[in-house]
């Protein structure tokens, strides 16, 4: 299993609130993102990741987001295995994000 970074929803929110520009990729399906996305995130369904590698920065931090953290973890494992350096999984996904105050 590939090693990659993780970030909590609280850590991500505080960094975004501080004005930090972070690459965010939401790997949920179309009907899921229709219910809302984190501002600034790019929608790239998990199944399209292998065809869209050129759209994903290889050396920079990229936070992957899904509903619960499982599919984003899969994306991180896959990209880590291809040598991507900054892949980061948002723990708990949008379910956790929606619980933020």
PDB file of N, CA and C in Angstrom:
ATOM      1  N   UNK A   1       0.841  -1.186   0.000  1.00  0.00           N
ATOM      2  CA  UNK A   1       0.000   0.000   0.000  1.00  0.00           C
ATOM      3  C   UNK A   1       0.887   1.250   0.000  1.00  0.00           C
ATOM      4  N   UNK A   2       0.538   2.187  -0.842  1.00  0.00           N
ATOM      5  CA  UNK A   2       1.320   3.414  -0.951  1.00  0.00           C
ATOM      6  C   UNK A   2       1.062   4.324   0.239  1.00  0.00           C
ATOM      7  N   UNK A   3       2.076   5.040   0.621  1.00  0.00           N
ATOM      8  CA  UNK A   3       1.925   6.006   1.698  1.00  0.00           C
ATOM      9  C   UNK A   3       1.594   7.365   1.092  1.00  0.00           C
ATOM     10  N   UNK A   4       0.624   8.013   1.680  1.00  0.00           N
ATOM     11  CA  UNK A   4       0.297   9.371   1.258  1.00  0.00           C
ATOM     12  C   UNK A   4      -0.217  10.146   2.469  1.00  0.00           C
ATOM     13  N   UNK A   5      -0.253  11.449   2.303  1.00  0.00           N
ATOM     14  CA  UNK A   5      -0.650  12.321   3.406  1.00  0.00           C
ATOM     15  C   UNK A   5      -2.164  12.337   3.580  1.00  0.00           C
ATOM     16  N   UNK A   6      -2.587  12.745   4.763  1.00  0.00           N
ATOM     17  CA  UNK A   6      -4.002  12.964   5.029  1.00  0.00           C
ATOM     18  C   UNK A   6      -4.161  14.349   5.649  1.00  0.00           C
ATOM     19  N   UNK A   7      -5.381  14.870   5.539  1.00  0.00           N
ATOM     20  CA  UNK A   7      -5.697  16.159   6.154  1.00  0.00           C
ATOM     21  C   UNK A   7      -7.110  16.061   6.708  1.00  0.00           C
ATOM     22  N   UNK A   8      -7.322  16.652   7.873  1.00  0.00           N
ATOM     23  CA  UNK A   8      -8.668  16.663   8.448  1.00  0.00           C
ATOM     24  C   UNK A   8      -9.454  17.809   7.820  1.00  0.00           C
ATOM     25  N   UNK A   9     -10.777  17.718   7.912  1.00  0.00           N
ATOM     26  CA  UNK A   9     -11.606  18.801   7.370  1.00  0.00           C
ATOM     27  C   UNK A   9     -11.333  20.104   8.113  1.00  0.00           C
ATOM     28  N   UNK A  10     -11.062  20.002   9.410  1.00  0.00           N
ATOM     29  CA  UNK A  10     -10.758  21.210  10.198  1.00  0.00           C
ATOM     30  C   UNK A  10      -9.463  21.866   9.724  1.00  0.00           C
ATOM     31  N   UNK A  11      -8.435  21.044   9.472  1.00  0.00           N
ATOM     32  CA  UNK A  11      -7.154  21.587   8.995  1.00  0.00           C
ATOM     33  C   UNK A  11      -7.336  22.248   7.631  1.00  0.00           C
ATOM     34  N   UNK A  12      -8.057  21.572   6.745  1.00  0.00           N
ATOM     35  CA  UNK A  12      -8.255  22.130   5.403  1.00  0.00           C
ATOM     36  C   UNK A  12      -9.044  23.429   5.472  1.00  0.00           C
ATOM     37  N   UNK A  13     -10.116  23.444   6.249  1.00  0.00           N
ATOM     38  CA  UNK A  13     -10.935  24.657   6.342  1.00  0.00           C
ATOM     39  C   UNK A  13     -10.119  25.818   6.885  1.00  0.00           C
ATOM     40  N   UNK A  14      -9.312  25.578   7.901  1.00  0.00           N
ATOM     41  CA  UNK A  14      -8.538  26.685   8.461  1.00  0.00           C
ATOM     42  C   UNK A  14      -7.502  27.198   7.459  1.00  0.00           C
ATOM     43  N   UNK A  15      -6.910  26.305   6.679  1.00  0.00           N
ATOM     44  CA  UNK A  15      -5.955  26.745   5.651  1.00  0.00           C
ATOM     45  C   UNK A  15      -6.662  27.536   4.551  1.00  0.00           C
ATOM     46  N   UNK A  16      -7.845  27.080   4.128  1.00  0.00           N
ATOM     47  CA  UNK A  16      -8.598  27.808   3.105  1.00  0.00           C
ATOM     48  C   UNK A  16      -9.073  29.153   3.645  1.00  0.00           C
ATOM     49  N   UNK A  17      -9.537  29.171   4.905  1.00  0.00           N
ATOM     50  CA  UNK A  17      -9.988  30.422   5.519  1.00  0.00           C
ATOM     51  C   UNK A  17      -8.859  31.436   5.639  1.00  0.00           C
ATOM     52  N   UNK A  18      -7.621  30.930   5.758  1.00  0.00           N
ATOM     53  CA  UNK A  18      -6.449  31.809   5.860  1.00  0.00           C
ATOM     54  C   UNK A  18      -6.017  32.316   4.486  1.00  0.00           C
ATOM     55  N   UNK A  19      -6.726  31.892   3.439  1.00  0.00           N
ATOM     56  CA  UNK A  19      -6.418  32.380   2.097  1.00  0.00           C
ATOM     57  C   UNK A  19      -5.415  31.530   1.332  1.00  0.00           C
ATOM     58  N   UNK A  20      -5.059  30.391   1.880  1.00  0.00           N
ATOM     59  CA  UNK A  20      -4.100  29.527   1.207  1.00  0.00           C
ATOM     60  C   UNK A  20      -4.737  28.945  -0.057  1.00  0.00           C
ATOM     61  N   UNK A  21      -3.978  28.933  -1.128  1.00  0.00           N
ATOM     62  CA  UNK A  21      -4.472  28.347  -2.379  1.00  0.00           C
ATOM     63  C   UNK A  21      -4.006  26.899  -2.437  1.00  0.00           C
ATOM     64  N   UNK A  22      -4.959  26.002  -2.459  1.00  0.00           N
ATOM     65  CA  UNK A  22      -4.660  24.571  -2.424  1.00  0.00           C
ATOM     66  C   UNK A  22      -5.368  23.909  -3.602  1.00  0.00           C
ATOM     67  N   UNK A  23      -4.674  23.013  -4.281  1.00  0.00           N
ATOM     68  CA  UNK A  23      -5.321  22.236  -5.345  1.00  0.00           C
ATOM     69  C   UNK A  23      -6.298  21.262  -4.692  1.00  0.00           C
ATOM     70  N   UNK A  24      -7.566  21.355  -5.071  1.00  0.00           N
ATOM     71  CA  UNK A  24      -8.597  20.469  -4.543  1.00  0.00           C
ATOM     72  C   UNK A  24      -9.233  19.725  -5.708  1.00  0.00           C
ATOM     73  N   UNK A  25      -9.299  18.399  -5.607  1.00  0.00           N
ATOM     74  CA  UNK A  25      -9.948  17.608  -6.648  1.00  0.00           C
ATOM     75  C   UNK A  25     -11.015  16.738  -6.001  1.00  0.00           C
ATOM     76  N   UNK A  26     -12.254  16.919  -6.457  1.00  0.00           N
ATOM     77  CA  UNK A  26     -13.406  16.175  -5.946  1.00  0.00           C
ATOM     78  C   UNK A  26     -13.652  14.997  -6.888  1.00  0.00           C
ATOM     79  N   UNK A  27     -13.514  13.771  -6.375  1.00  0.00           N
ATOM     80  CA  UNK A  27     -13.623  12.576  -7.220  1.00  0.00           C
ATOM     81  C   UNK A  27     -15.010  11.928  -7.149  1.00  0.00           C
ATOM     82  N   UNK A  28     -15.997  12.643  -6.607  1.00  0.00           N
ATOM     83  CA  UNK A  28     -17.348  12.094  -6.546  1.00  0.00           C
ATOM     84  C   UNK A  28     -18.002  12.116  -7.933  1.00  0.00           C
ATOM     85  N   UNK A  29     -19.140  11.449  -8.028  1.00  0.00           N
ATOM     86  CA  UNK A  29     -19.894  11.413  -9.278  1.00  0.00           C
ATOM     87  C   UNK A  29     -20.712  12.695  -9.447  1.00  0.00           C
ATOM     88  N   UNK A  30     -21.173  12.912 -10.678  1.00  0.00           N
ATOM     89  CA  UNK A  30     -21.910  14.126 -11.049  1.00  0.00           C
ATOM     90  C   UNK A  30     -23.071  14.430 -10.097  1.00  0.00           C
ATOM     91  N   UNK A  31     -23.896  13.425  -9.804  1.00  0.00           N
ATOM     92  CA  UNK A  31     -25.071  13.664  -8.953  1.00  0.00           C
ATOM     93  C   UNK A  31     -24.675  14.016  -7.525  1.00  0.00           C
ATOM     94  N   UNK A  32     -23.493  13.575  -7.089  1.00  0.00           N
ATOM     95  CA  UNK A  32     -23.024  13.918  -5.737  1.00  0.00           C
ATOM     96  C   UNK A  32     -22.536  15.362  -5.673  1.00  0.00           C
ATOM     97  N   UNK A  33     -21.757  15.783  -6.678  1.00  0.00           N
ATOM     98  CA  UNK A  33     -21.240  17.161  -6.644  1.00  0.00           C
ATOM     99  C   UNK A  33     -22.357  18.175  -6.863  1.00  0.00           C
ATOM    100  N   UNK A  34     -23.468  17.735  -7.449  1.00  0.00           N
ATOM    101  CA  UNK A  34     -24.613  18.629  -7.634  1.00  0.00           C
ATOM    102  C   UNK A  34     -25.157  19.092  -6.285  1.00  0.00           C
ATOM    103  N   UNK A  35     -24.874  18.340  -5.227  1.00  0.00           N
ATOM    104  CA  UNK A  35     -25.330  18.699  -3.887  1.00  0.00           C
ATOM    105  C   UNK A  35     -24.384  19.686  -3.204  1.00  0.00           C
ATOM    106  N   UNK A  36     -23.295  20.021  -3.864  1.00  0.00           N
ATOM    107  CA  UNK A  36     -22.379  21.010  -3.320  1.00  0.00           C
ATOM    108  C   UNK A  36     -20.935  20.540  -3.313  1.00  0.00           C
ATOM    109  N   UNK A  37     -20.041  21.492  -3.545  1.00  0.00           N
ATOM    110  CA  UNK A  37     -18.606  21.222  -3.544  1.00  0.00           C
ATOM    111  C   UNK A  37     -17.916  22.278  -2.701  1.00  0.00           C
ATOM    112  N   UNK A  38     -16.699  21.985  -2.291  1.00  0.00           N
ATOM    113  CA  UNK A  38     -15.869  22.984  -1.614  1.00  0.00           C
ATOM    114  C   UNK A  38     -15.451  24.001  -2.662  1.00  0.00           C
ATOM    115  N   UNK A  39     -15.587  25.267  -2.334  1.00  0.00           N
ATOM    116  CA  UNK A  39     -15.246  26.339  -3.263  1.00  0.00           C
ATOM    117  C   UNK A  39     -13.814  26.183  -3.776  1.00  0.00           C
ATOM    118  N   UNK A  40     -13.656  26.255  -5.079  1.00  0.00           N
ATOM    119  CA  UNK A  40     -12.336  26.152  -5.684  1.00  0.00           C
ATOM    120  C   UNK A  40     -11.952  24.752  -6.107  1.00  0.00           C
ATOM    121  N   UNK A  41     -12.759  23.753  -5.732  1.00  0.00           N
ATOM    122  CA  UNK A  41     -12.433  22.366  -6.101  1.00  0.00           C
ATOM    123  C   UNK A  41     -12.735  22.122  -7.574  1.00  0.00           C
ATOM    124  N   UNK A  42     -11.961  21.225  -8.156  1.00  0.00           N
ATOM    125  CA  UNK A  42     -12.175  20.779  -9.528  1.00  0.00           C
ATOM    126  C   UNK A  42     -12.871  19.425  -9.453  1.00  0.00           C
ATOM    127  N   UNK A  43     -13.890  19.241 -10.289  1.00  0.00           N
ATOM    128  CA  UNK A  43     -14.592  17.954 -10.317  1.00  0.00           C
ATOM    129  C   UNK A  43     -13.908  17.031 -11.314  1.00  0.00           C
ATOM    130  N   UNK A  44     -13.442  15.885 -10.818  1.00  0.00           N
ATOM    131  CA  UNK A  44     -12.803  14.867 -11.656  1.00  0.00           C
ATOM    132  C   UNK A  44     -13.213  13.504 -11.104  1.00  0.00           C
ATOM    133  N   UNK A  45     -14.294  12.913 -11.648  1.00  0.00           N
ATOM    134  CA  UNK A  45     -14.759  11.625 -11.113  1.00  0.00           C
ATOM    135  C   UNK A  45     -13.635  10.593 -11.067  1.00  0.00           C
ATOM    136  N   UNK A  46     -13.654   9.769 -10.027  1.00  0.00           N
ATOM    137  CA  UNK A  46     -12.592   8.785  -9.805  1.00  0.00           C
ATOM    138  C   UNK A  46     -12.298   7.965 -11.047  1.00  0.00           C
ATOM    139  N   UNK A  47     -13.315   7.525 -11.759  1.00  0.00           N
ATOM    140  CA  UNK A  47     -13.117   6.694 -12.942  1.00  0.00           C
ATOM    141  C   UNK A  47     -12.380   7.389 -14.069  1.00  0.00           C
ATOM    142  N   UNK A  48     -12.326   8.728 -14.038  1.00  0.00           N
ATOM    143  CA  UNK A  48     -11.645   9.483 -15.091  1.00  0.00           C
ATOM    144  C   UNK A  48     -10.214   9.865 -14.729  1.00  0.00           C
ATOM    145  N   UNK A  49      -9.812   9.604 -13.482  1.00  0.00           N
ATOM    146  CA  UNK A  49      -8.466   9.993 -13.041  1.00  0.00           C
ATOM    147  C   UNK A  49      -7.369   9.437 -13.963  1.00  0.00           C
ATOM    148  N   UNK A  50      -7.402   8.134 -14.336  1.00  0.00           N
ATOM    149  CA  UNK A  50      -6.310   7.619 -15.187  1.00  0.00           C
ATOM    150  C   UNK A  50      -6.194   8.332 -16.542  1.00  0.00           C
ATOM    151  N   UNK A  51      -7.308   8.832 -17.075  1.00  0.00           N
ATOM    152  CA  UNK A  51      -7.269   9.536 -18.361  1.00  0.00           C
ATOM    153  C   UNK A  51      -6.912  11.017 -18.207  1.00  0.00           C
ATOM    154  N   UNK A  52      -6.913  11.517 -16.980  1.00  0.00           N
ATOM    155  CA  UNK A  52      -6.702  12.948 -16.746  1.00  0.00           C
ATOM    156  C   UNK A  52      -5.436  13.242 -15.948  1.00  0.00           C
ATOM    157  N   UNK A  53      -4.457  12.359 -16.019  1.00  0.00           N
ATOM    158  CA  UNK A  53      -3.238  12.529 -15.217  1.00  0.00           C
ATOM    159  C   UNK A  53      -2.552  13.866 -15.479  1.00  0.00           C
ATOM    160  N   UNK A  54      -2.624  14.342 -16.716  1.00  0.00           N
ATOM    161  CA  UNK A  54      -1.952  15.610 -17.050  1.00  0.00           C
ATOM    162  C   UNK A  54      -2.618  16.807 -16.377  1.00  0.00           C
ATOM    163  N   UNK A  55      -3.840  16.633 -15.846  1.00  0.00           N
ATOM    164  CA  UNK A  55      -4.532  17.730 -15.163  1.00  0.00           C
ATOM    165  C   UNK A  55      -4.209  17.766 -13.671  1.00  0.00           C
ATOM    166  N   UNK A  56      -3.426  16.790 -13.203  1.00  0.00           N
ATOM    167  CA  UNK A  56      -3.124  16.680 -11.772  1.00  0.00           C
ATOM    168  C   UNK A  56      -1.655  17.020 -11.538  1.00  0.00           C
ATOM    169  N   UNK A  57      -1.362  18.070 -10.764  1.00  0.00           N
ATOM    170  CA  UNK A  57       0.036  18.422 -10.495  1.00  0.00           C
ATOM    171  C   UNK A  57       0.783  17.254  -9.851  1.00  0.00           C
ATOM    172  N   UNK A  58       1.969  16.959 -10.379  1.00  0.00           N
ATOM    173  CA  UNK A  58       2.717  15.787  -9.915  1.00  0.00           C
ATOM    174  C   UNK A  58       3.585  16.063  -8.693  1.00  0.00           C
ATOM    175  N   UNK A  59       4.044  17.295  -8.535  1.00  0.00           N
ATOM    176  CA  UNK A  59       4.985  17.616  -7.462  1.00  0.00           C
ATOM    177  C   UNK A  59       4.366  18.471  -6.352  1.00  0.00           C
ATOM    178  N   UNK A  60       3.160  19.000  -6.567  1.00  0.00           N
ATOM    179  CA  UNK A  60       2.536  19.899  -5.592  1.00  0.00           C
ATOM    180  C   UNK A  60       1.506  19.164  -4.748  1.00  0.00           C
ATOM    181  N   UNK A  61       1.136  19.768  -3.624  1.00  0.00           N
ATOM    182  CA  UNK A  61       0.086  19.199  -2.794  1.00  0.00           C
ATOM    183  C   UNK A  61      -1.247  19.273  -3.538  1.00  0.00           C
ATOM    184  N   UNK A  62      -1.948  18.155  -3.574  1.00  0.00           N
ATOM    185  CA  UNK A  62      -3.289  18.090  -4.148  1.00  0.00           C
ATOM    186  C   UNK A  62      -4.161  17.327  -3.156  1.00  0.00           C
ATOM    187  N   UNK A  63      -5.232  17.977  -2.681  1.00  0.00           N
ATOM    188  CA  UNK A  63      -6.139  17.341  -1.725  1.00  0.00           C
ATOM    189  C   UNK A  63      -7.294  16.713  -2.498  1.00  0.00           C
ATOM    190  N   UNK A  64      -7.498  15.418  -2.269  1.00  0.00           N
ATOM    191  CA  UNK A  64      -8.583  14.684  -2.919  1.00  0.00           C
ATOM    192  C   UNK A  64      -9.755  14.551  -1.959  1.00  0.00           C
ATOM    193  N   UNK A  65     -10.957  14.723  -2.523  1.00  0.00           N
ATOM    194  CA  UNK A  65     -12.186  14.789  -1.740  1.00  0.00           C
ATOM    195  C   UNK A  65     -13.205  13.826  -2.345  1.00  0.00           C
ATOM    196  N   UNK A  66     -13.946  13.133  -1.488  1.00  0.00           N
ATOM    197  CA  UNK A  66     -15.098  12.356  -1.948  1.00  0.00           C
ATOM    198  C   UNK A  66     -16.176  12.433  -0.877  1.00  0.00           C
ATOM    199  N   UNK A  67     -17.122  11.508  -0.873  1.00  0.00           N
ATOM    200  CA  UNK A  67     -18.218  11.563   0.088  1.00  0.00           C
ATOM    201  C   UNK A  67     -17.745  11.225   1.496  1.00  0.00           C
ATOM    202  N   UNK A  68     -16.979  10.127   1.629  1.00  0.00           N
ATOM    203  CA  UNK A  68     -16.603   9.658   2.968  1.00  0.00           C
ATOM    204  C   UNK A  68     -15.096   9.561   3.199  1.00  0.00           C
ATOM    205  N   UNK A  69     -14.312   9.691   2.136  1.00  0.00           N
ATOM    206  CA  UNK A  69     -12.862   9.552   2.255  1.00  0.00           C
ATOM    207  C   UNK A  69     -12.330   8.269   1.649  1.00  0.00           C
ATOM    208  N   UNK A  70     -13.210   7.354   1.238  1.00  0.00           N
ATOM    209  CA  UNK A  70     -12.764   6.066   0.699  1.00  0.00           C
ATOM    210  C   UNK A  70     -12.286   6.189  -0.750  1.00  0.00           C
ATOM    211  N   UNK A  71     -13.096   6.785  -1.621  1.00  0.00           N
ATOM    212  CA  UNK A  71     -12.689   6.919  -3.020  1.00  0.00           C
ATOM    213  C   UNK A  71     -11.509   7.873  -3.173  1.00  0.00           C
ATOM    214  N   UNK A  72     -11.476   8.932  -2.364  1.00  0.00           N
ATOM    215  CA  UNK A  72     -10.331   9.848  -2.440  1.00  0.00           C
ATOM    216  C   UNK A  72      -9.062   9.129  -1.985  1.00  0.00           C
ATOM    217  N   UNK A  73      -9.181   8.208  -1.019  1.00  0.00           N
ATOM    218  CA  UNK A  73      -8.040   7.408  -0.595  1.00  0.00           C
ATOM    219  C   UNK A  73      -7.568   6.509  -1.737  1.00  0.00           C
ATOM    220  N   UNK A  74      -8.512   5.940  -2.485  1.00  0.00           N
ATOM    221  CA  UNK A  74      -8.152   5.109  -3.638  1.00  0.00           C
ATOM    222  C   UNK A  74      -7.391   5.941  -4.676  1.00  0.00           C
ATOM    223  N   UNK A  75      -7.870   7.154  -4.926  1.00  0.00           N
ATOM    224  CA  UNK A  75      -7.191   8.039  -5.880  1.00  0.00           C
ATOM    225  C   UNK A  75      -5.770   8.336  -5.405  1.00  0.00           C
ATOM    226  N   UNK A  76      -5.615   8.608  -4.106  1.00  0.00           N
ATOM    227  CA  UNK A  76      -4.294   8.906  -3.548  1.00  0.00           C
ATOM    228  C   UNK A  76      -3.357   7.705  -3.681  1.00  0.00           C
ATOM    229  N   UNK A  77      -3.861   6.504  -3.387  1.00  0.00           N
ATOM    230  CA  UNK A  77      -3.028   5.310  -3.507  1.00  0.00           C
ATOM    231  C   UNK A  77      -2.575   5.109  -4.951  1.00  0.00           C
ATOM    232  N   UNK A  78      -3.501   5.254  -5.878  1.00  0.00           N
ATOM    233  CA  UNK A  78      -3.193   5.084  -7.299  1.00  0.00           C
ATOM    234  C   UNK A  78      -2.130   6.087  -7.750  1.00  0.00           C
ATOM    235  N   UNK A  79      -2.346   7.360  -7.438  1.00  0.00           N
ATOM    236  CA  UNK A  79      -1.406   8.396  -7.881  1.00  0.00           C
ATOM    237  C   UNK A  79      -0.053   8.262  -7.189  1.00  0.00           C
ATOM    238  N   UNK A  80      -0.050   7.893  -5.920  1.00  0.00           N
ATOM    239  CA  UNK A  80       1.218   7.662  -5.218  1.00  0.00           C
ATOM    240  C   UNK A  80       2.017   6.561  -5.913  1.00  0.00           C
ATOM    241  N   UNK A  81       1.315   5.522  -6.356  1.00  0.00           N
ATOM    242  CA  UNK A  81       1.999   4.406  -7.027  1.00  0.00           C
ATOM    243  C   UNK A  81       2.609   4.842  -8.357  1.00  0.00           C
ATOM    244  N   UNK A  82       2.099   5.938  -8.918  1.00  0.00           N
ATOM    245  CA  UNK A  82       2.638   6.472 -10.177  1.00  0.00           C
ATOM    246  C   UNK A  82       3.710   7.534  -9.937  1.00  0.00           C
ATOM    247  N   UNK A  83       4.035   7.793  -8.668  1.00  0.00           N
ATOM    248  CA  UNK A  83       5.101   8.746  -8.360  1.00  0.00           C
ATOM    249  C   UNK A  83       4.632  10.152  -8.056  1.00  0.00           C
ATOM    250  N   UNK A  84       3.349  10.362  -7.901  1.00  0.00           N
ATOM    251  CA  UNK A  84       2.858  11.692  -7.525  1.00  0.00           C
ATOM    252  C   UNK A  84       3.241  11.960  -6.077  1.00  0.00           C
ATOM    253  N   UNK A  85       3.800  13.149  -5.812  1.00  0.00           N
ATOM    254  CA  UNK A  85       4.418  13.444  -4.519  1.00  0.00           C
ATOM    255  C   UNK A  85       3.481  14.043  -3.471  1.00  0.00           C
ATOM    256  N   UNK A  86       2.545  14.918  -3.878  1.00  0.00           N
ATOM    257  CA  UNK A  86       1.793  15.684  -2.891  1.00  0.00           C
ATOM    258  C   UNK A  86       0.366  15.245  -2.674  1.00  0.00           C
ATOM    259  N   UNK A  87       0.020  14.015  -3.092  1.00  0.00           N
ATOM    260  CA  UNK A  87      -1.371  13.587  -2.942  1.00  0.00           C
ATOM    261  C   UNK A  87      -1.757  13.478  -1.469  1.00  0.00           C
ATOM    262  N   UNK A  88      -2.919  14.044  -1.145  1.00  0.00           N
ATOM    263  CA  UNK A  88      -3.396  14.127   0.229  1.00  0.00           C
ATOM    264  C   UNK A  88      -4.881  13.782   0.258  1.00  0.00           C
ATOM    265  N   UNK A  89      -5.259  12.906   1.176  1.00  0.00           N
ATOM    266  CA  UNK A  89      -6.654  12.497   1.304  1.00  0.00           C
ATOM    267  C   UNK A  89      -7.342  13.306   2.407  1.00  0.00           C
ATOM    268  N   UNK A  90      -8.510  13.895   2.080  1.00  0.00           N
ATOM    269  CA  UNK A  90      -9.300  14.581   3.094  1.00  0.00           C
ATOM    270  C   UNK A  90     -10.106  13.529   3.858  1.00  0.00           C
ATOM    271  N   UNK A  91      -9.741  13.331   5.114  1.00  0.00           N
ATOM    272  CA  UNK A  91     -10.358  12.317   5.965  1.00  0.00           C
ATOM    273  C   UNK A  91     -11.828  12.653   6.224  1.00  0.00           C
ATOM    274  N   UNK A  92     -12.688  11.662   6.033  1.00  0.00           N
ATOM    275  CA  UNK A  92     -14.107  11.851   6.342  1.00  0.00           C
ATOM    276  C   UNK A  92     -14.926  12.429   5.209  1.00  0.00           C
ATOM    277  N   UNK A  93     -14.244  12.937   4.189  1.00  0.00           N
ATOM    278  CA  UNK A  93     -14.938  13.448   3.002  1.00  0.00           C
ATOM    279  C   UNK A  93     -15.947  14.544   3.281  1.00  0.00           C
ATOM    280  N   UNK A  94     -16.892  14.665   2.330  1.00  0.00           N
ATOM    281  CA  UNK A  94     -17.897  15.722   2.433  1.00  0.00           C
ATOM    282  C   UNK A  94     -18.868  15.478   3.586  1.00  0.00           C
ATOM    283  N   UNK A  95     -18.995  14.227   4.035  1.00  0.00           N
ATOM    284  CA  UNK A  95     -19.830  13.965   5.200  1.00  0.00           C
ATOM    285  C   UNK A  95     -19.261  14.709   6.412  1.00  0.00           C
ATOM    286  N   UNK A  96     -17.942  14.641   6.584  1.00  0.00           N
ATOM    287  CA  UNK A  96     -17.297  15.356   7.696  1.00  0.00           C
ATOM    288  C   UNK A  96     -17.325  16.873   7.443  1.00  0.00           C
ATOM    289  N   UNK A  97     -17.078  17.286   6.210  1.00  0.00           N
ATOM    290  CA  UNK A  97     -17.058  18.712   5.861  1.00  0.00           C
ATOM    291  C   UNK A  97     -18.414  19.350   6.211  1.00  0.00           C
ATOM    292  N   UNK A  98     -19.498  18.638   5.917  1.00  0.00           N
ATOM    293  CA  UNK A  98     -20.834  19.180   6.154  1.00  0.00           C
ATOM    294  C   UNK A  98     -21.141  19.345   7.644  1.00  0.00           C
ATOM    295  N   UNK A  99     -20.352  18.705   8.501  1.00  0.00           N
ATOM    296  CA  UNK A  99     -20.564  18.805   9.943  1.00  0.00           C
ATOM    297  C   UNK A  99     -19.784  19.952  10.578  1.00  0.00           C
ATOM    298  N   UNK A 100     -18.951  20.642   9.781  1.00  0.00           N
ATOM    299  CA  UNK A 100     -18.171  21.764  10.336  1.00  0.00           C
ATOM    300  C   UNK A 100     -19.119  22.875  10.769  1.00  0.00           C
ATOM    301  N   UNK A 101     -18.746  23.579  11.840  1.00  0.00           N
ATOM    302  CA  UNK A 101     -19.604  24.696  12.301  1.00  0.00           C
ATOM    303  C   UNK A 101     -19.592  25.858  11.331  1.00  0.00           C
TER     304      UNK A 101
END
